Amino acid sequence: MTDDNAEQLRFDTDDLYRIDTFTDQRTGSIRRMTPVDADGNVDASRPVRYVGEASAMTPAGTLPLSFELEGDSLSEAAKGFAEGAEQAFKETIEELKRMQREQQGSIMVPGQDGGKIEMPGGGSGGSIKF
């Protein structure tokens, strides 16, 4: 393993969180991420974070969604769950559309390069036009 790989794989003990998961078994789940120090004690100098998780059914299958939730408590985070999920869904769909446009733009179609195929050796074989 190179030094670069070892550095990338180093476990960051300055940014640890304990994760508690809450679910209503219907809509999704909320992860409460409580900051802790390297000994596992609560780190009160950093804020607790809340992350919502849900799934959206699409014609292509299930689309997992993950999104930050605002709030200083689980109940405040839960109040923003629907809005957060809807926003995450919209952003994910837009990103998928952008990726699809990029992929379509990179497909090589005959004729894009002038339609010429040079013969090996560049001799008197000329070129073939499609």
Foldseek 3Di string as FASTA:
>chain_A
DDPVVVVVPDDDQVFAWDWDWDDPVPFWIKIWTFGDGNVRHGDVVDAIWIKTWGWDQDPVGIDIFIFTADDRDPVNRVVCRVVRRVVRVVVVVVVVVVVVVVVVVPDDDQCPVPQWDADPPNPPPGTDGD
